[in-house]
Amino acid sequence: MVGNTSENQRYLHLVQACLDASMLLYTVSETAFKMYSEFLLAQDAMRKRAMSTLEGCVNLLKEKKKQ
């Protein structure tokens, strides 16, 4: 490949394209991880709220039953 600049340029472009694709895949995976983490946290918060509401309903029913 010594002296063949067009072939060298072709390989450099290929390497740059691979690096660009790698960076895009990394960025997408980081974004997906962040979004899924936020989803799990929101799901946990909703579950806690639902359990709290359910406990309130059970307590209300217990109060009504005592009367």
PDB file of N, CA and C in Angstrom:
ATOM      1  N   MET A   1       0.816  -1.198   0.000  1.00  0.00           N
ATOM      2  CA  MET A   1       0.000   0.000   0.000  1.00  0.00           C
ATOM      3  C   MET A   1       0.860   1.264   0.000  1.00  0.00           C
ATOM      4  N   VAL A   2       2.161   1.087   0.033  1.00  0.00           N
ATOM      5  CA  VAL A   2       3.047   2.243   0.001  1.00  0.00           C
ATOM      6  C   VAL A   2       2.918   2.930  -1.351  1.00  0.00           C
ATOM      7  N   GLY A   3       2.674   4.216  -1.330  1.00  0.00           N
ATOM      8  CA  GLY A   3       2.572   4.987  -2.549  1.00  0.00           C
ATOM      9  C   GLY A   3       1.191   4.988  -3.175  1.00  0.00           C
ATOM     10  N   ASN A   4       0.281   4.168  -2.697  1.00  0.00           N
ATOM     11  CA  ASN A   4      -1.071   4.087  -3.243  1.00  0.00           C
ATOM     12  C   ASN A   4      -2.000   4.928  -2.370  1.00  0.00           C
ATOM     13  N   THR A   5      -1.993   6.227  -2.630  1.00  0.00           N
ATOM     14  CA  THR A   5      -2.753   7.132  -1.757  1.00  0.00           C
ATOM     15  C   THR A   5      -4.251   6.960  -1.885  1.00  0.00           C
ATOM     16  N   SER A   6      -4.761   6.644  -3.059  1.00  0.00           N
ATOM     17  CA  SER A   6      -6.214   6.485  -3.201  1.00  0.00           C
ATOM     18  C   SER A   6      -6.703   5.267  -2.410  1.00  0.00           C
ATOM     19  N   GLU A   7      -5.930   4.201  -2.401  1.00  0.00           N
ATOM     20  CA  GLU A   7      -6.301   3.015  -1.619  1.00  0.00           C
ATOM     21  C   GLU A   7      -6.211   3.325  -0.119  1.00  0.00           C
ATOM     22  N   ASN A   8      -5.183   4.057   0.267  1.00  0.00           N
ATOM     23  CA  ASN A   8      -5.038   4.456   1.666  1.00  0.00           C
ATOM     24  C   ASN A   8      -6.202   5.346   2.097  1.00  0.00           C
ATOM     25  N   GLN A   9      -6.592   6.278   1.249  1.00  0.00           N
ATOM     26  CA  GLN A   9      -7.718   7.165   1.562  1.00  0.00           C
ATOM     27  C   GLN A   9      -9.000   6.359   1.733  1.00  0.00           C
ATOM     28  N   ARG A  10      -9.174   5.350   0.890  1.00  0.00           N
ATOM     29  CA  ARG A  10     -10.368   4.504   0.968  1.00  0.00           C
ATOM     30  C   ARG A  10     -10.428   3.799   2.319  1.00  0.00           C
ATOM     31  N   TYR A  11      -9.297   3.275   2.777  1.00  0.00           N
ATOM     32  CA  TYR A  11      -9.253   2.608   4.078  1.00  0.00           C
ATOM     33  C   TYR A  11      -9.482   3.594   5.222  1.00  0.00           C
ATOM     34  N   LEU A  12      -8.928   4.784   5.099  1.00  0.00           N
ATOM     35  CA  LEU A  12      -9.155   5.800   6.129  1.00  0.00           C
ATOM     36  C   LEU A  12     -10.635   6.164   6.218  1.00  0.00           C
ATOM     37  N   HIS A  13     -11.302   6.294   5.080  1.00  0.00           N
ATOM     38  CA  HIS A  13     -12.738   6.593   5.086  1.00  0.00           C
ATOM     39  C   HIS A  13     -13.536   5.439   5.697  1.00  0.00           C
ATOM     40  N   LEU A  14     -13.105   4.227   5.393  1.00  0.00           N
ATOM     41  CA  LEU A  14     -13.779   3.055   5.962  1.00  0.00           C
ATOM     42  C   LEU A  14     -13.619   3.028   7.480  1.00  0.00           C
ATOM     43  N   VAL A  15     -12.418   3.280   7.953  1.00  0.00           N
ATOM     44  CA  VAL A  15     -12.166   3.309   9.394  1.00  0.00           C
ATOM     45  C   VAL A  15     -12.987   4.410  10.048  1.00  0.00           C
ATOM     46  N   GLN A  16     -13.042   5.584   9.429  1.00  0.00           N
ATOM     47  CA  GLN A  16     -13.817   6.690   9.992  1.00  0.00           C
ATOM     48  C   GLN A  16     -15.304   6.348  10.036  1.00  0.00           C
ATOM     49  N   ALA A  17     -15.799   5.692   8.992  1.00  0.00           N
ATOM     50  CA  ALA A  17     -17.210   5.283   8.971  1.00  0.00           C
ATOM     51  C   ALA A  17     -17.502   4.273  10.080  1.00  0.00           C
ATOM     52  N   CYS A  18     -16.578   3.357  10.300  1.00  0.00           N
ATOM     53  CA  CYS A  18     -16.756   2.379  11.381  1.00  0.00           C
ATOM     54  C   CYS A  18     -16.744   3.063  12.748  1.00  0.00           C
ATOM     55  N   LEU A  19     -15.848   4.004  12.944  1.00  0.00           N
ATOM     56  CA  LEU A  19     -15.804   4.748  14.207  1.00  0.00           C
ATOM     57  C   LEU A  19     -17.077   5.549  14.417  1.00  0.00           C
ATOM     58  N   ASP A  20     -17.573   6.181  13.362  1.00  0.00           N
ATOM     59  CA  ASP A  20     -18.827   6.938  13.461  1.00  0.00           C
ATOM     60  C   ASP A  20     -19.994   6.027  13.828  1.00  0.00           C
ATOM     61  N   ALA A  21     -20.066   4.855  13.182  1.00  0.00           N
ATOM     62  CA  ALA A  21     -21.140   3.901  13.477  1.00  0.00           C
ATOM     63  C   ALA A  21     -21.028   3.406  14.917  1.00  0.00           C
ATOM     64  N   SER A  22     -19.823   3.167  15.361  1.00  0.00           N
ATOM     65  CA  SER A  22     -19.607   2.719  16.734  1.00  0.00           C
ATOM     66  C   SER A  22     -20.071   3.773  17.730  1.00  0.00           C
ATOM     67  N   MET A  23     -19.758   5.031  17.462  1.00  0.00           N
ATOM     68  CA  MET A  23     -20.175   6.112  18.351  1.00  0.00           C
ATOM     69  C   MET A  23     -21.694   6.240  18.378  1.00  0.00           C
ATOM     70  N   LEU A  24     -22.331   6.096  17.228  1.00  0.00           N
ATOM     71  CA  LEU A  24     -23.796   6.163  17.176  1.00  0.00           C
ATOM     72  C   LEU A  24     -24.428   5.024  17.968  1.00  0.00           C
ATOM     73  N   LEU A  25     -23.891   3.820  17.815  1.00  0.00           N
ATOM     74  CA  LEU A  25     -24.416   2.688  18.576  1.00  0.00           C
ATOM     75  C   LEU A  25     -24.243   2.896  20.073  1.00  0.00           C
ATOM     76  N   TYR A  26     -23.106   3.429  20.468  1.00  0.00           N
ATOM     77  CA  TYR A  26     -22.872   3.718  21.880  1.00  0.00           C
ATOM     78  C   TYR A  26     -23.875   4.739  22.392  1.00  0.00           C
ATOM     79  N   THR A  27     -24.089   5.800  21.625  1.00  0.00           N
ATOM     80  CA  THR A  27     -25.028   6.845  22.024  1.00  0.00           C
ATOM     81  C   THR A  27     -26.442   6.287  22.152  1.00  0.00           C
ATOM     82  N   VAL A  28     -26.844   5.465  21.204  1.00  0.00           N
ATOM     83  CA  VAL A  28     -28.178   4.863  21.249  1.00  0.00           C
ATOM     84  C   VAL A  28     -28.310   3.959  22.471  1.00  0.00           C
ATOM     85  N   SER A  29     -27.298   3.174  22.757  1.00  0.00           N
ATOM     86  CA  SER A  29     -27.383   2.281  23.915  1.00  0.00           C
ATOM     87  C   SER A  29     -27.439   3.069  25.220  1.00  0.00           C
ATOM     88  N   GLU A  30     -26.687   4.142  25.311  1.00  0.00           N
ATOM     89  CA  GLU A  30     -26.738   4.982  26.505  1.00  0.00           C
ATOM     90  C   GLU A  30     -28.124   5.615  26.666  1.00  0.00           C
ATOM     91  N   THR A  31     -28.692   6.088  25.572  1.00  0.00           N
ATOM     92  CA  THR A  31     -30.019   6.694  25.620  1.00  0.00           C
ATOM     93  C   THR A  31     -31.070   5.662  26.004  1.00  0.00           C
ATOM     94  N   ALA A  32     -30.978   4.476  25.432  1.00  0.00           N
ATOM     95  CA  ALA A  32     -31.927   3.410  25.759  1.00  0.00           C
ATOM     96  C   ALA A  32     -31.818   3.033  27.236  1.00  0.00           C
ATOM     97  N   PHE A  33     -30.607   2.956  27.749  1.00  0.00           N
ATOM     98  CA  PHE A  33     -30.411   2.635  29.169  1.00  0.00           C
ATOM     99  C   PHE A  33     -31.044   3.695  30.053  1.00  0.00           C
ATOM    100  N   LYS A  34     -30.812   4.961  29.716  1.00  0.00           N
ATOM    101  CA  LYS A  34     -31.361   6.058  30.513  1.00  0.00           C
ATOM    102  C   LYS A  34     -32.884   6.051  30.477  1.00  0.00           C
ATOM    103  N   MET A  35     -33.450   5.852  29.294  1.00  0.00           N
ATOM    104  CA  MET A  35     -34.904   5.835  29.168  1.00  0.00           C
ATOM    105  C   MET A  35     -35.509   4.659  29.930  1.00  0.00           C
ATOM    106  N   TYR A  36     -34.896   3.487  29.847  1.00  0.00           N
ATOM    107  CA  TYR A  36     -35.424   2.322  30.541  1.00  0.00           C
ATOM    108  C   TYR A  36     -35.291   2.496  32.054  1.00  0.00           C
ATOM    109  N   SER A  37     -34.211   3.095  32.508  1.00  0.00           N
ATOM    110  CA  SER A  37     -34.043   3.365  33.940  1.00  0.00           C
ATOM    111  C   SER A  37     -35.142   4.294  34.438  1.00  0.00           C
ATOM    112  N   GLU A  38     -35.421   5.341  33.669  1.00  0.00           N
ATOM    113  CA  GLU A  38     -36.487   6.273  34.051  1.00  0.00           C
ATOM    114  C   GLU A  38     -37.841   5.579  34.054  1.00  0.00           C
ATOM    115  N   PHE A  39     -38.076   4.683  33.083  1.00  0.00           N
ATOM    116  CA  PHE A  39     -39.316   3.923  33.039  1.00  0.00           C
ATOM    117  C   PHE A  39     -39.463   3.066  34.288  1.00  0.00           C
ATOM    118  N   LEU A  40     -38.386   2.371  34.681  1.00  0.00           N
ATOM    119  CA  LEU A  40     -38.452   1.508  35.860  1.00  0.00           C
ATOM    120  C   LEU A  40     -38.708   2.321  37.131  1.00  0.00           C
ATOM    121  N   LEU A  41     -38.081   3.485  37.229  1.00  0.00           N
ATOM    122  CA  LEU A  41     -38.310   4.331  38.401  1.00  0.00           C
ATOM    123  C   LEU A  41     -39.752   4.836  38.441  1.00  0.00           C
ATOM    124  N   ALA A  42     -40.287   5.227  37.294  1.00  0.00           N
ATOM    125  CA  ALA A  42     -41.675   5.695  37.235  1.00  0.00           C
ATOM    126  C   ALA A  42     -42.635   4.554  37.557  1.00  0.00           C
ATOM    127  N   GLN A  43     -42.340   3.364  37.048  1.00  0.00           N
ATOM    128  CA  GLN A  43     -43.184   2.210  37.326  1.00  0.00           C
ATOM    129  C   GLN A  43     -43.181   1.891  38.823  1.00  0.00           C
ATOM    130  N   ASP A  44     -42.026   1.990  39.454  1.00  0.00           N
ATOM    131  CA  ASP A  44     -41.931   1.751  40.893  1.00  0.00           C
ATOM    132  C   ASP A  44     -42.729   2.787  41.667  1.00  0.00           C
ATOM    133  N   ALA A  45     -42.642   4.049  41.252  1.00  0.00           N
ATOM    134  CA  ALA A  45     -43.405   5.106  41.927  1.00  0.00           C
ATOM    135  C   ALA A  45     -44.908   4.869  41.785  1.00  0.00           C
ATOM    136  N   MET A  46     -45.351   4.461  40.599  1.00  0.00           N
ATOM    137  CA  MET A  46     -46.778   4.179  40.408  1.00  0.00           C
ATOM    138  C   MET A  46     -47.221   2.975  41.236  1.00  0.00           C
ATOM    139  N   ARG A  47     -46.357   1.965  41.323  1.00  0.00           N
ATOM    140  CA  ARG A  47     -46.686   0.792  42.135  1.00  0.00           C
ATOM    141  C   ARG A  47     -46.829   1.175  43.594  1.00  0.00           C
ATOM    142  N   LYS A  48     -45.915   2.015  44.099  1.00  0.00           N
ATOM    143  CA  LYS A  48     -45.989   2.462  45.488  1.00  0.00           C
ATOM    144  C   LYS A  48     -47.258   3.271  45.735  1.00  0.00           C
ATOM    145  N   ARG A  49     -47.611   4.120  44.777  1.00  0.00           N
ATOM    146  CA  ARG A  49     -48.830   4.924  44.922  1.00  0.00           C
ATOM    147  C   ARG A  49     -50.064   4.023  44.912  1.00  0.00           C
ATOM    148  N   ALA A  50     -50.080   3.034  44.045  1.00  0.00           N
ATOM    149  CA  ALA A  50     -51.211   2.106  43.990  1.00  0.00           C
ATOM    150  C   ALA A  50     -51.331   1.325  45.296  1.00  0.00           C
ATOM    151  N   MET A  51     -50.210   0.880  45.845  1.00  0.00           N
ATOM    152  CA  MET A  51     -50.237   0.142  47.107  1.00  0.00           C
ATOM    153  C   MET A  51     -50.711   1.025  48.245  1.00  0.00           C
ATOM    154  N   SER A  52     -50.287   2.269  48.241  1.00  0.00           N
ATOM    155  CA  SER A  52     -50.726   3.202  49.272  1.00  0.00           C
ATOM    156  C   SER A  52     -52.235   3.439  49.182  1.00  0.00           C
ATOM    157  N   THR A  53     -52.725   3.601  47.970  1.00  0.00           N
ATOM    158  CA  THR A  53     -54.161   3.795  47.775  1.00  0.00           C
ATOM    159  C   THR A  53     -54.925   2.555  48.207  1.00  0.00           C
ATOM    160  N   LEU A  54     -54.419   1.392  47.869  1.00  0.00           N
ATOM    161  CA  LEU A  54     -55.059   0.142  48.250  1.00  0.00           C
ATOM    162  C   LEU A  54     -55.089  -0.012  49.767  1.00  0.00           C
ATOM    163  N   GLU A  55     -53.997   0.329  50.427  1.00  0.00           N
ATOM    164  CA  GLU A  55     -53.959   0.264  51.894  1.00  0.00           C
ATOM    165  C   GLU A  55     -54.982   1.209  52.494  1.00  0.00           C
ATOM    166  N   GLY A  56     -55.116   2.395  51.905  1.00  0.00           N
ATOM    167  CA  GLY A  56     -56.129   3.343  52.382  1.00  0.00           C
ATOM    168  C   GLY A  56     -57.533   2.787  52.231  1.00  0.00           C
ATOM    169  N   CYS A  57     -57.800   2.130  51.107  1.00  0.00           N
ATOM    170  CA  CYS A  57     -59.121   1.522  50.894  1.00  0.00           C
ATOM    171  C   CYS A  57     -59.379   0.410  51.901  1.00  0.00           C
ATOM    172  N   VAL A  58     -58.380  -0.425  52.148  1.00  0.00           N
ATOM    173  CA  VAL A  58     -58.530  -1.512  53.120  1.00  0.00           C
ATOM    174  C   VAL A  58     -58.796  -0.943  54.506  1.00  0.00           C
ATOM    175  N   ASN A  59     -58.067   0.077  54.879  1.00  0.00           N
ATOM    176  CA  ASN A  59     -58.277   0.702  56.189  1.00  0.00           C
ATOM    177  C   ASN A  59     -59.669   1.305  56.286  1.00  0.00           C
ATOM    178  N   LEU A  60     -60.138   1.923  55.219  1.00  0.00           N
ATOM    179  CA  LEU A  60     -61.487   2.496  55.199  1.00  0.00           C
ATOM    180  C   LEU A  60     -62.534   1.403  55.357  1.00  0.00           C
ATOM    181  N   LEU A  61     -62.347   0.281  54.678  1.00  0.00           N
ATOM    182  CA  LEU A  61     -63.285  -0.833  54.794  1.00  0.00           C
ATOM    183  C   LEU A  61     -63.280  -1.417  56.203  1.00  0.00           C
ATOM    184  N   LYS A  62     -62.109  -1.473  56.822  1.00  0.00           N
ATOM    185  CA  LYS A  62     -62.028  -1.960  58.202  1.00  0.00           C
ATOM    186  C   LYS A  62     -62.787  -1.031  59.132  1.00  0.00           C
ATOM    187  N   GLU A  63     -62.650   0.272  58.917  1.00  0.00           N
ATOM    188  CA  GLU A  63     -63.374   1.258  59.737  1.00  0.00           C
ATOM    189  C   GLU A  63     -64.880   1.097  59.573  1.00  0.00           C
ATOM    190  N   LYS A  64     -65.327   0.912  58.344  1.00  0.00           N
ATOM    191  CA  LYS A  64     -66.756   0.755  58.057  1.00  0.00           C
ATOM    192  C   LYS A  64     -67.283  -0.523  58.705  1.00  0.00           C
ATOM    193  N   LYS A  65     -66.467  -1.568  58.695  1.00  0.00           N
ATOM    194  CA  LYS A  65     -66.885  -2.857  59.249  1.00  0.00           C
ATOM    195  C   LYS A  65     -67.051  -2.757  60.766  1.00  0.00           C
ATOM    196  N   LYS A  66     -66.219  -1.941  61.414  1.00  0.00           N
ATOM    197  CA  LYS A  66     -66.295  -1.784  62.879  1.00  0.00           C
ATOM    198  C   LYS A  66     -67.563  -1.055  63.296  1.00  0.00           C
ATOM    199  N   GLN A  67     -68.092  -0.231  62.421  1.00  0.00           N
ATOM    200  CA  GLN A  67     -69.273   0.584  62.780  1.00  0.00           C
ATOM    201  C   GLN A  67     -70.519  -0.193  62.728  1.00  0.00           C
TER     202      GLN A  67
END
